[in-house]
Amino acid sequence: MKNIFIIIILTFCPLVSLLAQDKYEVFRKEMSLIEKQENEYRKVIWGENDFSQDYKDSIYKKHQVLVKEKVEFAKNAIRENRDDERFLKVLDIYVRNFLSLDEFETELKSFSPKVQKMENCQRYFEFIKYARINVPGKPCIDFEMKGHNGETIKFSDVYKKHKLVLVDFWASWCGACRATIPSIKKMYADYHEKGVEVVSVSLDDNKKAWEKAFEEEKIPWIDGSNLLGWKDPVVLWYAIRGIPHKVLVDQNGIIVASGFHQLGSLEYPINILIPTKTNYEKRGPYHYGPLSYLSVNTSAFSLSGVSGKVS
């Protein structure tokens, strides 16, 4: 009888694991179908084709509905699987971008105590902690990196010498990052002599690739890397989820603006904070890109100099 009981337990345990795995695998299969349809919509909306604008508009509306359905599908799956660590990834990939930091934290805390103690979940809590201090008006976190000649570059040594510093987190393999470099060059040419510096921080882990990209782009400003890739501590310290990621810092180390920007839009507040007659008369205030997804703290900056005072 005892042997039979042991056999039942040994049989039941893998079965429970299999059932949990099935829930996740079922979710993945169903989500892949939704994403397949979404990709078809994207081809029509943003791909190179001969479809009429009216047809593209109609597909765009369907795409928007599908995105909402995808998010709701993910949310429901998470609610039903709060004891499965793998659904943290579902929260991160499919829901997180639609939540505020407080809402994201609430979602994490709704997982079982067992899941919350796991390393992956603890990383998310750590990210939230740093994301809350990487906002306009807060002091930036100092860091060090190596330059192309092996010299140590300390960020505080740079921002103390300039009115504003634009920090650009990038990598050689990031096409979107490299696409923003021309607009940064335009800004740099206009404002460098007025006290604005640029510091590029590469998240490469391959020295040859980093140096090759640096030479190809002919970057004229400060550029460094610890060659740690996404394991570099600055990724957590600056709450970086994707690159390009840009941060604007004043002479006292106070964050003026920050965010993730596909098209280099953080250069725009520099146009506001250090305006020039040339920019407004010939190019207009929107020359360097849109202000979308950008939070700016102008109270921390004085046009006659950097005050660093935060209300």
C-alpha atoms as a PDB file:
ATOM      1  CA  MET A   1       0.000   0.000   0.000  1.00  0.00           C
ATOM      2  CA  LYS A   2       2.863   2.327   0.900  1.00  0.00           C
ATOM      3  CA  ASN A   3       4.533   1.661  -2.456  1.00  0.00           C
ATOM      4  CA  ILE A   4       1.303   2.427  -4.317  1.00  0.00           C
ATOM      5  CA  PHE A   5       1.000   5.736  -2.437  1.00  0.00           C
ATOM      6  CA  ILE A   6       4.559   6.701  -3.409  1.00  0.00           C
ATOM      7  CA  ILE A   7       3.873   5.833  -7.042  1.00  0.00           C
ATOM      8  CA  ILE A   8       0.750   8.019  -7.015  1.00  0.00           C
ATOM      9  CA  ILE A   9       2.733  10.977  -5.603  1.00  0.00           C
ATOM     10  CA  LEU A  10       5.550  10.549  -8.117  1.00  0.00           C
ATOM     11  CA  THR A  11       3.013  10.385 -10.936  1.00  0.00           C
ATOM     12  CA  PHE A  12       0.963  13.330  -9.683  1.00  0.00           C
ATOM     13  CA  CYS A  13       3.880  15.795  -9.279  1.00  0.00           C
ATOM     14  CA  PRO A  14       5.015  15.746 -12.933  1.00  0.00           C
ATOM     15  CA  LEU A  15       1.356  15.927 -13.968  1.00  0.00           C
ATOM     16  CA  VAL A  16       0.867  19.171 -12.017  1.00  0.00           C
ATOM     17  CA  SER A  17       3.997  20.588 -13.641  1.00  0.00           C
ATOM     18  CA  LEU A  18       2.745  19.512 -17.071  1.00  0.00           C
ATOM     19  CA  LEU A  19      -0.624  21.171 -16.526  1.00  0.00           C
ATOM     20  CA  ALA A  20       1.094  24.443 -15.520  1.00  0.00           C
ATOM     21  CA  GLN A  21       3.316  24.214 -18.549  1.00  0.00           C
ATOM     22  CA  ASP A  22       0.324  23.555 -20.755  1.00  0.00           C
ATOM     23  CA  LYS A  23      -1.354  26.786 -19.622  1.00  0.00           C
ATOM     24  CA  TYR A  24       1.696  28.791 -20.611  1.00  0.00           C
ATOM     25  CA  GLU A  25       2.154  26.923 -23.892  1.00  0.00           C
ATOM     26  CA  VAL A  26      -1.525  27.336 -24.740  1.00  0.00           C
ATOM     27  CA  PHE A  27      -1.184  31.073 -24.093  1.00  0.00           C
ATOM     28  CA  ARG A  28       1.879  31.273 -26.337  1.00  0.00           C
ATOM     29  CA  LYS A  29       0.175  29.444 -29.196  1.00  0.00           C
ATOM     30  CA  GLU A  30      -2.935  31.614 -29.031  1.00  0.00           C
ATOM     31  CA  MET A  31      -0.885  34.791 -28.710  1.00  0.00           C
ATOM     32  CA  SER A  32       1.221  33.813 -31.725  1.00  0.00           C
ATOM     33  CA  LEU A  33      -1.962  33.709 -33.820  1.00  0.00           C
ATOM     34  CA  ILE A  34      -2.921  37.202 -32.650  1.00  0.00           C
ATOM     35  CA  GLU A  35       0.577  38.490 -33.397  1.00  0.00           C
ATOM     36  CA  LYS A  36       0.521  36.897 -36.830  1.00  0.00           C
ATOM     37  CA  GLN A  37      -2.632  38.826 -37.646  1.00  0.00           C
ATOM     38  CA  GLU A  38      -1.119  41.988 -36.185  1.00  0.00           C
ATOM     39  CA  ASN A  39       1.945  41.624 -38.421  1.00  0.00           C
ATOM     40  CA  GLU A  40      -0.311  41.312 -41.466  1.00  0.00           C
ATOM     41  CA  TYR A  41      -2.035  44.546 -40.481  1.00  0.00           C
ATOM     42  CA  ARG A  42       1.336  46.259 -40.025  1.00  0.00           C
ATOM     43  CA  LYS A  43       2.450  45.270 -43.520  1.00  0.00           C
ATOM     44  CA  VAL A  44      -0.589  47.022 -44.949  1.00  0.00           C
ATOM     45  CA  ILE A  45      -0.307  50.110 -42.735  1.00  0.00           C
ATOM     46  CA  TRP A  46       3.459  50.741 -42.770  1.00  0.00           C
ATOM     47  CA  GLY A  47       4.856  48.486 -45.459  1.00  0.00           C
ATOM     48  CA  GLU A  48       5.717  49.440 -49.015  1.00  0.00           C
ATOM     49  CA  ASN A  49       2.581  48.734 -51.044  1.00  0.00           C
ATOM     50  CA  ASP A  50       0.043  50.268 -53.408  1.00  0.00           C
ATOM     51  CA  PHE A  51      -2.963  50.171 -51.089  1.00  0.00           C
ATOM     52  CA  SER A  52      -5.124  53.292 -50.962  1.00  0.00           C
ATOM     53  CA  GLN A  53      -4.998  55.535 -47.912  1.00  0.00           C
ATOM     54  CA  ASP A  54      -8.655  54.784 -47.163  1.00  0.00           C
ATOM     55  CA  TYR A  55      -7.910  51.068 -47.073  1.00  0.00           C
ATOM     56  CA  LYS A  56      -4.856  51.657 -44.845  1.00  0.00           C
ATOM     57  CA  ASP A  57      -6.989  53.767 -42.505  1.00  0.00           C
ATOM     58  CA  SER A  58      -9.577  51.005 -42.235  1.00  0.00           C
ATOM     59  CA  ILE A  59      -6.874  48.444 -41.447  1.00  0.00           C
ATOM     60  CA  TYR A  60      -5.336  50.806 -38.911  1.00  0.00           C
ATOM     61  CA  LYS A  61      -8.650  50.891 -37.019  1.00  0.00           C
ATOM     62  CA  LYS A  62      -8.740  47.094 -37.018  1.00  0.00           C
ATOM     63  CA  HIS A  63      -5.146  47.072 -35.823  1.00  0.00           C
ATOM     64  CA  GLN A  64      -6.011  49.319 -32.878  1.00  0.00           C
ATOM     65  CA  VAL A  65      -8.866  47.040 -31.870  1.00  0.00           C
ATOM     66  CA  LEU A  66      -6.594  44.016 -32.138  1.00  0.00           C
ATOM     67  CA  VAL A  67      -3.943  45.642 -29.923  1.00  0.00           C
ATOM     68  CA  LYS A  68      -6.546  46.222 -27.210  1.00  0.00           C
ATOM     69  CA  GLU A  69      -7.733  42.632 -27.523  1.00  0.00           C
ATOM     70  CA  LYS A  70      -4.147  41.394 -27.285  1.00  0.00           C
ATOM     71  CA  VAL A  71      -3.548  43.340 -24.072  1.00  0.00           C
ATOM     72  CA  GLU A  72      -6.801  42.107 -22.530  1.00  0.00           C
ATOM     73  CA  PHE A  73      -5.980  38.536 -23.509  1.00  0.00           C
ATOM     74  CA  ALA A  74      -2.607  38.862 -21.771  1.00  0.00           C
ATOM     75  CA  LYS A  75      -4.161  40.465 -18.687  1.00  0.00           C
ATOM     76  CA  ASN A  76      -6.677  37.627 -18.338  1.00  0.00           C
ATOM     77  CA  ALA A  77      -3.933  35.025 -18.684  1.00  0.00           C
ATOM     78  CA  ILE A  78      -1.921  36.754 -15.952  1.00  0.00           C
ATOM     79  CA  ARG A  79      -4.910  36.893 -13.594  1.00  0.00           C
ATOM     80  CA  GLU A  80      -5.407  33.154 -13.951  1.00  0.00           C
ATOM     81  CA  ASN A  81      -1.739  32.288 -13.400  1.00  0.00           C
ATOM     82  CA  ARG A  82      -0.467  34.407 -10.514  1.00  0.00           C
ATOM     83  CA  ASP A  83       1.533  31.471  -9.185  1.00  0.00           C
ATOM     84  CA  ASP A  84       3.516  30.896 -12.391  1.00  0.00           C
ATOM     85  CA  GLU A  85       6.748  32.867 -12.733  1.00  0.00           C
ATOM     86  CA  ARG A  86       6.642  32.661 -16.519  1.00  0.00           C
ATOM     87  CA  PHE A  87       3.654  34.982 -16.613  1.00  0.00           C
ATOM     88  CA  LEU A  88       5.894  37.764 -15.289  1.00  0.00           C
ATOM     89  CA  LYS A  89       7.332  37.757 -18.797  1.00  0.00           C
ATOM     90  CA  VAL A  90       3.811  38.032 -20.218  1.00  0.00           C
ATOM     91  CA  LEU A  91       3.237  41.076 -18.012  1.00  0.00           C
ATOM     92  CA  ASP A  92       6.518  42.621 -19.150  1.00  0.00           C
ATOM     93  CA  ILE A  93       6.096  42.037 -22.887  1.00  0.00           C
ATOM     94  CA  TYR A  94       2.385  42.567 -23.463  1.00  0.00           C
ATOM     95  CA  VAL A  95       1.013  44.746 -20.647  1.00  0.00           C
ATOM     96  CA  ARG A  96       3.774  46.793 -19.038  1.00  0.00           C
ATOM     97  CA  ASN A  97       3.870  49.560 -21.667  1.00  0.00           C
ATOM     98  CA  PHE A  98       0.215  50.338 -20.973  1.00  0.00           C
ATOM     99  CA  LEU A  99       0.709  50.770 -17.216  1.00  0.00           C
ATOM    100  CA  SER A 100       2.023  53.527 -14.985  1.00  0.00           C
ATOM    101  CA  LEU A 101       4.802  52.629 -12.552  1.00  0.00           C
ATOM    102  CA  ASP A 102       2.272  52.378  -9.719  1.00  0.00           C
ATOM    103  CA  GLU A 103       0.014  50.120 -11.785  1.00  0.00           C
ATOM    104  CA  PHE A 104       2.969  47.959 -12.797  1.00  0.00           C
ATOM    105  CA  GLU A 105       4.007  47.602  -9.161  1.00  0.00           C
ATOM    106  CA  THR A 106       0.437  46.669  -8.195  1.00  0.00           C
ATOM    107  CA  GLU A 107       0.411  43.977 -10.866  1.00  0.00           C
ATOM    108  CA  LEU A 108       3.693  42.547  -9.581  1.00  0.00           C
ATOM    109  CA  LYS A 109       2.377  42.483  -6.017  1.00  0.00           C
ATOM    110  CA  SER A 110      -0.688  40.569  -7.160  1.00  0.00           C
ATOM    111  CA  PHE A 111       1.507  37.551  -7.969  1.00  0.00           C
ATOM    112  CA  SER A 112       1.850  34.920  -5.273  1.00  0.00           C
ATOM    113  CA  PRO A 113       4.400  35.485  -2.471  1.00  0.00           C
ATOM    114  CA  LYS A 114       6.445  32.639  -3.926  1.00  0.00           C
ATOM    115  CA  VAL A 115       6.757  34.372  -7.310  1.00  0.00           C
ATOM    116  CA  GLN A 116       7.436  37.786  -5.743  1.00  0.00           C
ATOM    117  CA  LYS A 117      10.496  36.358  -3.964  1.00  0.00           C
ATOM    118  CA  MET A 118      11.980  35.046  -7.203  1.00  0.00           C
ATOM    119  CA  GLU A 119      14.953  36.785  -8.794  1.00  0.00           C
ATOM    120  CA  ASN A 120      13.101  37.909 -11.928  1.00  0.00           C
ATOM    121  CA  CYS A 121      10.358  39.592  -9.916  1.00  0.00           C
ATOM    122  CA  GLN A 122      12.873  41.238  -7.592  1.00  0.00           C
ATOM    123  CA  ARG A 123      14.588  42.731 -10.646  1.00  0.00           C
ATOM    124  CA  TYR A 124      11.321  44.373 -11.681  1.00  0.00           C
ATOM    125  CA  PHE A 125      10.873  45.865  -8.196  1.00  0.00           C
ATOM    126  CA  GLU A 126      14.444  47.159  -8.387  1.00  0.00           C
ATOM    127  CA  PHE A 127      13.748  48.715 -11.797  1.00  0.00           C
ATOM    128  CA  ILE A 128      10.697  50.522 -10.402  1.00  0.00           C
ATOM    129  CA  LYS A 129      12.809  51.948  -7.565  1.00  0.00           C
ATOM    130  CA  TYR A 130      15.265  53.483 -10.010  1.00  0.00           C
ATOM    131  CA  ALA A 131      12.593  54.559 -12.507  1.00  0.00           C
ATOM    132  CA  ARG A 132      11.012  56.695  -9.776  1.00  0.00           C
ATOM    133  CA  ILE A 133      14.212  58.668  -9.248  1.00  0.00           C
ATOM    134  CA  ASN A 134      15.047  59.061 -12.945  1.00  0.00           C
ATOM    135  CA  VAL A 135      12.600  61.899 -13.488  1.00  0.00           C
ATOM    136  CA  PRO A 136      12.989  65.640 -14.117  1.00  0.00           C
ATOM    137  CA  GLY A 137      14.000  67.505 -10.987  1.00  0.00           C
ATOM    138  CA  LYS A 138      15.856  64.584  -9.391  1.00  0.00           C
ATOM    139  CA  PRO A 139      19.666  64.281  -9.130  1.00  0.00           C
ATOM    140  CA  CYS A 140      21.237  61.981 -11.694  1.00  0.00           C
ATOM    141  CA  ILE A 141      23.390  59.017 -10.672  1.00  0.00           C
ATOM    142  CA  ASP A 142      27.100  59.458 -11.259  1.00  0.00           C
ATOM    143  CA  PHE A 143      28.951  56.760 -13.194  1.00  0.00           C
ATOM    144  CA  GLU A 144      32.298  55.951 -14.774  1.00  0.00           C
ATOM    145  CA  MET A 145      33.246  54.338 -18.086  1.00  0.00           C
ATOM    146  CA  LYS A 146      36.286  53.894 -20.296  1.00  0.00           C
ATOM    147  CA  GLY A 147      37.008  56.023 -23.349  1.00  0.00           C
ATOM    148  CA  HIS A 148      38.447  54.772 -26.626  1.00  0.00           C
ATOM    149  CA  ASN A 149      41.988  55.350 -25.389  1.00  0.00           C
ATOM    150  CA  GLY A 150      41.399  53.529 -22.112  1.00  0.00           C
ATOM    151  CA  GLU A 151      40.966  56.733 -20.079  1.00  0.00           C
ATOM    152  CA  THR A 152      38.415  56.842 -17.271  1.00  0.00           C
ATOM    153  CA  ILE A 153      35.453  59.140 -17.951  1.00  0.00           C
ATOM    154  CA  LYS A 154      33.544  60.251 -14.856  1.00  0.00           C
ATOM    155  CA  PHE A 155      30.157  61.713 -15.705  1.00  0.00           C
ATOM    156  CA  SER A 156      30.147  64.279 -12.859  1.00  0.00           C
ATOM    157  CA  ASP A 157      33.452  65.694 -14.165  1.00  0.00           C
ATOM    158  CA  VAL A 158      31.664  66.414 -17.443  1.00  0.00           C
ATOM    159  CA  TYR A 159      28.355  67.924 -16.335  1.00  0.00           C
ATOM    160  CA  LYS A 160      30.024  70.248 -13.797  1.00  0.00           C
ATOM    161  CA  LYS A 161      31.816  71.962 -16.696  1.00  0.00           C
ATOM    162  CA  HIS A 162      28.779  72.489 -18.951  1.00  0.00           C
ATOM    163  CA  LYS A 163      25.379  74.169 -18.814  1.00  0.00           C
ATOM    164  CA  LEU A 164      23.657  71.067 -20.178  1.00  0.00           C
ATOM    165  CA  VAL A 165      24.757  67.545 -21.025  1.00  0.00           C
ATOM    166  CA  LEU A 166      22.800  65.246 -23.315  1.00  0.00           C
ATOM    167  CA  VAL A 167      23.503  61.610 -22.383  1.00  0.00           C
ATOM    168  CA  ASP A 168      22.834  59.240 -25.261  1.00  0.00           C
ATOM    169  CA  PHE A 169      22.711  55.520 -24.443  1.00  0.00           C
ATOM    170  CA  TRP A 170      23.357  53.628 -27.671  1.00  0.00           C
ATOM    171  CA  ALA A 171      25.054  50.566 -29.224  1.00  0.00           C
ATOM    172  CA  SER A 172      26.712  49.708 -32.527  1.00  0.00           C
ATOM    173  CA  TRP A 173      24.034  47.118 -33.318  1.00  0.00           C
ATOM    174  CA  CYS A 174      21.122  49.509 -32.628  1.00  0.00           C
ATOM    175  CA  GLY A 175      19.877  50.914 -35.943  1.00  0.00           C
ATOM    176  CA  ALA A 176      17.454  53.326 -34.261  1.00  0.00           C
ATOM    177  CA  CYS A 177      20.295  54.669 -32.104  1.00  0.00           C
ATOM    178  CA  ARG A 178      22.530  55.343 -35.053  1.00  0.00           C
ATOM    179  CA  ALA A 179      19.637  56.950 -36.925  1.00  0.00           C
ATOM    180  CA  THR A 180      19.467  59.670 -34.214  1.00  0.00           C
ATOM    181  CA  ILE A 181      23.162  60.601 -34.519  1.00  0.00           C
ATOM    182  CA  PRO A 182      22.732  63.043 -37.455  1.00  0.00           C
ATOM    183  CA  SER A 183      20.140  65.077 -35.519  1.00  0.00           C
ATOM    184  CA  ILE A 184      22.404  65.099 -32.450  1.00  0.00           C
ATOM    185  CA  LYS A 185      25.251  66.348 -34.656  1.00  0.00           C
ATOM    186  CA  LYS A 186      23.090  69.276 -35.808  1.00  0.00           C
ATOM    187  CA  MET A 187      22.249  70.137 -32.220  1.00  0.00           C
ATOM    188  CA  TYR A 188      25.891  69.750 -31.173  1.00  0.00           C
ATOM    189  CA  ALA A 189      27.080  72.106 -33.924  1.00  0.00           C
ATOM    190  CA  ASP A 190      24.604  74.778 -32.810  1.00  0.00           C
ATOM    191  CA  TYR A 191      25.016  74.518 -29.049  1.00  0.00           C
ATOM    192  CA  HIS A 192      28.413  73.102 -28.127  1.00  0.00           C
ATOM    193  CA  GLU A 193      30.039  76.548 -27.973  1.00  0.00           C
ATOM    194  CA  LYS A 194      27.114  77.751 -25.835  1.00  0.00           C
ATOM    195  CA  GLY A 195      27.891  75.233 -23.087  1.00  0.00           C
ATOM    196  CA  VAL A 196      26.100  72.068 -24.200  1.00  0.00           C
ATOM    197  CA  GLU A 197      27.997  68.775 -24.228  1.00  0.00           C
ATOM    198  CA  VAL A 198      27.028  65.302 -25.426  1.00  0.00           C
ATOM    199  CA  VAL A 199      28.101  62.084 -23.720  1.00  0.00           C
ATOM    200  CA  SER A 200      27.425  58.824 -25.535  1.00  0.00           C
ATOM    201  CA  VAL A 201      27.344  55.661 -23.427  1.00  0.00           C
ATOM    202  CA  SER A 202      27.663  52.510 -25.496  1.00  0.00           C
ATOM    203  CA  LEU A 203      25.970  49.338 -24.295  1.00  0.00           C
ATOM    204  CA  ASP A 204      28.165  47.247 -26.563  1.00  0.00           C
ATOM    205  CA  ASP A 205      30.011  44.210 -25.244  1.00  0.00           C
ATOM    206  CA  ASN A 206      32.215  43.878 -28.330  1.00  0.00           C
ATOM    207  CA  LYS A 207      35.099  46.368 -28.451  1.00  0.00           C
ATOM    208  CA  LYS A 208      35.772  46.020 -32.187  1.00  0.00           C
ATOM    209  CA  ALA A 209      32.107  46.574 -33.082  1.00  0.00           C
ATOM    210  CA  TRP A 210      31.919  49.599 -30.787  1.00  0.00           C
ATOM    211  CA  GLU A 211      35.077  51.206 -32.166  1.00  0.00           C
ATOM    212  CA  LYS A 212      34.063  50.512 -35.761  1.00  0.00           C
ATOM    213  CA  ALA A 213      30.662  52.171 -35.270  1.00  0.00           C
ATOM    214  CA  PHE A 214      32.318  55.131 -33.532  1.00  0.00           C
ATOM    215  CA  GLU A 215      34.613  55.658 -36.516  1.00  0.00           C
ATOM    216  CA  GLU A 216      31.856  55.130 -39.086  1.00  0.00           C
ATOM    217  CA  GLU A 217      29.572  57.667 -37.412  1.00  0.00           C
ATOM    218  CA  LYS A 218      32.460  60.128 -36.881  1.00  0.00           C
ATOM    219  CA  ILE A 219      31.169  61.004 -33.411  1.00  0.00           C
ATOM    220  CA  PRO A 220      32.771  64.317 -32.338  1.00  0.00           C
ATOM    221  CA  TRP A 221      31.712  64.263 -28.668  1.00  0.00           C
ATOM    222  CA  ILE A 222      32.598  62.179 -25.608  1.00  0.00           C
ATOM    223  CA  ASP A 223      31.933  58.482 -26.097  1.00  0.00           C
ATOM    224  CA  GLY A 224      32.677  55.640 -23.703  1.00  0.00           C
ATOM    225  CA  SER A 225      31.718  52.131 -22.691  1.00  0.00           C
ATOM    226  CA  ASN A 226      32.389  49.526 -20.030  1.00  0.00           C
ATOM    227  CA  LEU A 227      31.752  46.850 -22.681  1.00  0.00           C
ATOM    228  CA  LEU A 228      29.332  45.057 -20.367  1.00  0.00           C
ATOM    229  CA  GLY A 229      26.304  45.262 -22.639  1.00  0.00           C
ATOM    230  CA  TRP A 230      23.021  45.077 -20.755  1.00  0.00           C
ATOM    231  CA  LYS A 231      24.899  43.956 -17.627  1.00  0.00           C
ATOM    232  CA  ASP A 232      26.344  47.448 -17.204  1.00  0.00           C
ATOM    233  CA  PRO A 233      25.021  48.925 -13.901  1.00  0.00           C
ATOM    234  CA  VAL A 234      23.951  52.120 -15.721  1.00  0.00           C
ATOM    235  CA  VAL A 235      21.124  50.139 -17.346  1.00  0.00           C
ATOM    236  CA  LEU A 236      19.503  49.722 -13.928  1.00  0.00           C
ATOM    237  CA  TRP A 237      20.626  53.064 -12.499  1.00  0.00           C
ATOM    238  CA  TYR A 238      18.975  54.935 -15.381  1.00  0.00           C
ATOM    239  CA  ALA A 239      16.006  52.551 -15.652  1.00  0.00           C
ATOM    240  CA  ILE A 240      16.749  51.765 -19.294  1.00  0.00           C
ATOM    241  CA  ARG A 241      14.315  49.400 -20.989  1.00  0.00           C
ATOM    242  CA  GLY A 242      15.373  50.041 -24.563  1.00  0.00           C
ATOM    243  CA  ILE A 243      17.724  52.162 -26.607  1.00  0.00           C
ATOM    244  CA  PRO A 244      18.139  54.829 -27.821  1.00  0.00           C
ATOM    245  CA  HIS A 245      17.578  56.272 -24.351  1.00  0.00           C
ATOM    246  CA  LYS A 246      18.458  59.893 -23.690  1.00  0.00           C
ATOM    247  CA  VAL A 247      18.825  61.963 -20.531  1.00  0.00           C
ATOM    248  CA  LEU A 248      19.358  65.720 -20.294  1.00  0.00           C
ATOM    249  CA  VAL A 249      21.303  66.857 -17.193  1.00  0.00           C
ATOM    250  CA  ASP A 250      22.193  70.356 -15.984  1.00  0.00           C
ATOM    251  CA  GLN A 251      25.427  71.653 -14.440  1.00  0.00           C
ATOM    252  CA  ASN A 252      24.390  70.576 -10.942  1.00  0.00           C
ATOM    253  CA  GLY A 253      23.594  67.042 -12.001  1.00  0.00           C
ATOM    254  CA  ILE A 254      19.826  67.592 -11.989  1.00  0.00           C
ATOM    255  CA  ILE A 255      17.781  65.707 -14.576  1.00  0.00           C
ATOM    256  CA  VAL A 256      16.015  68.131 -16.916  1.00  0.00           C
ATOM    257  CA  ALA A 257      14.445  65.571 -19.259  1.00  0.00           C
ATOM    258  CA  SER A 258      14.625  61.847 -19.918  1.00  0.00           C
ATOM    259  CA  GLY A 259      13.103  59.073 -21.955  1.00  0.00           C
ATOM    260  CA  PHE A 260      13.234  56.589 -24.791  1.00  0.00           C
ATOM    261  CA  HIS A 261      13.316  58.299 -28.193  1.00  0.00           C
ATOM    262  CA  GLN A 262      13.387  56.707 -31.616  1.00  0.00           C
ATOM    263  CA  LEU A 263      14.147  59.940 -33.458  1.00  0.00           C
ATOM    264  CA  GLY A 264      16.305  61.994 -31.122  1.00  0.00           C
ATOM    265  CA  SER A 265      13.529  64.200 -29.755  1.00  0.00           C
ATOM    266  CA  LEU A 266      15.380  65.084 -26.549  1.00  0.00           C
ATOM    267  CA  GLU A 267      17.323  67.684 -28.492  1.00  0.00           C
ATOM    268  CA  TYR A 268      14.156  69.795 -28.624  1.00  0.00           C
ATOM    269  CA  PRO A 269      14.172  71.055 -25.008  1.00  0.00           C
ATOM    270  CA  ILE A 270      17.717  72.327 -25.572  1.00  0.00           C
ATOM    271  CA  ASN A 271      16.165  74.614 -28.170  1.00  0.00           C
ATOM    272  CA  ILE A 272      13.855  75.916 -25.426  1.00  0.00           C
ATOM    273  CA  LEU A 273      16.402  76.167 -22.630  1.00  0.00           C
ATOM    274  CA  ILE A 274      19.170  77.742 -24.699  1.00  0.00           C
ATOM    275  CA  PRO A 275      17.292  79.491 -27.540  1.00  0.00           C
ATOM    276  CA  THR A 276      19.130  81.141 -30.381  1.00  0.00           C
ATOM    277  CA  LYS A 277      17.881  83.676 -32.889  1.00  0.00           C
ATOM    278  CA  THR A 278      18.997  81.403 -35.726  1.00  0.00           C
ATOM    279  CA  ASN A 279      16.958  78.442 -34.503  1.00  0.00           C
ATOM    280  CA  TYR A 280      13.696  80.308 -34.077  1.00  0.00           C
ATOM    281  CA  GLU A 281      13.906  82.449 -37.215  1.00  0.00           C
ATOM    282  CA  LYS A 282      15.330  79.925 -39.669  1.00  0.00           C
ATOM    283  CA  ARG A 283      14.405  76.516 -38.287  1.00  0.00           C
ATOM    284  CA  GLY A 284      11.672  76.980 -35.745  1.00  0.00           C
ATOM    285  CA  PRO A 285      11.446  75.398 -32.311  1.00  0.00           C
ATOM    286  CA  TYR A 286      10.631  71.936 -33.692  1.00  0.00           C
ATOM    287  CA  HIS A 287      13.725  71.603 -35.856  1.00  0.00           C
ATOM    288  CA  TYR A 288      15.277  68.781 -33.865  1.00  0.00           C
ATOM    289  CA  GLY A 289      12.217  66.594 -33.536  1.00  0.00           C
ATOM    290  CA  PRO A 290       8.838  66.177 -31.811  1.00  0.00           C
ATOM    291  CA  LEU A 291       8.326  66.556 -28.073  1.00  0.00           C
ATOM    292  CA  SER A 292       6.169  63.436 -27.780  1.00  0.00           C
ATOM    293  CA  TYR A 293       6.798  61.072 -24.851  1.00  0.00           C
ATOM    294  CA  LEU A 294       8.996  63.694 -23.220  1.00  0.00           C
ATOM    295  CA  SER A 295       8.827  65.158 -19.729  1.00  0.00           C
ATOM    296  CA  VAL A 296      10.778  68.354 -19.173  1.00  0.00           C
ATOM    297  CA  ASN A 297      11.578  70.192 -15.952  1.00  0.00           C
ATOM    298  CA  THR A 298      12.231  73.795 -16.980  1.00  0.00           C
ATOM    299  CA  SER A 299      11.990  75.007 -13.371  1.00  0.00           C
ATOM    300  CA  ALA A 300      15.362  73.379 -12.691  1.00  0.00           C
ATOM    301  CA  PHE A 301      17.064  75.517 -15.311  1.00  0.00           C
ATOM    302  CA  SER A 302      17.793  79.193 -15.650  1.00  0.00           C
ATOM    303  CA  LEU A 303      18.435  80.691 -19.078  1.00  0.00           C
ATOM    304  CA  SER A 304      21.028  83.020 -17.574  1.00  0.00           C
ATOM    305  CA  GLY A 305      22.872  80.005 -16.216  1.00  0.00           C
ATOM    306  CA  VAL A 306      22.099  76.768 -14.496  1.00  0.00           C
ATOM    307  CA  SER A 307      20.357  77.222 -11.162  1.00  0.00           C
ATOM    308  CA  GLY A 308      19.889  73.564 -10.275  1.00  0.00           C
ATOM    309  CA  LYS A 309      17.067  74.595  -7.942  1.00  0.00           C
ATOM    310  CA  VAL A 310      14.104  72.295  -7.824  1.00  0.00           C
ATOM    311  CA  SER A 311      10.794  73.415  -6.447  1.00  0.00           C
END
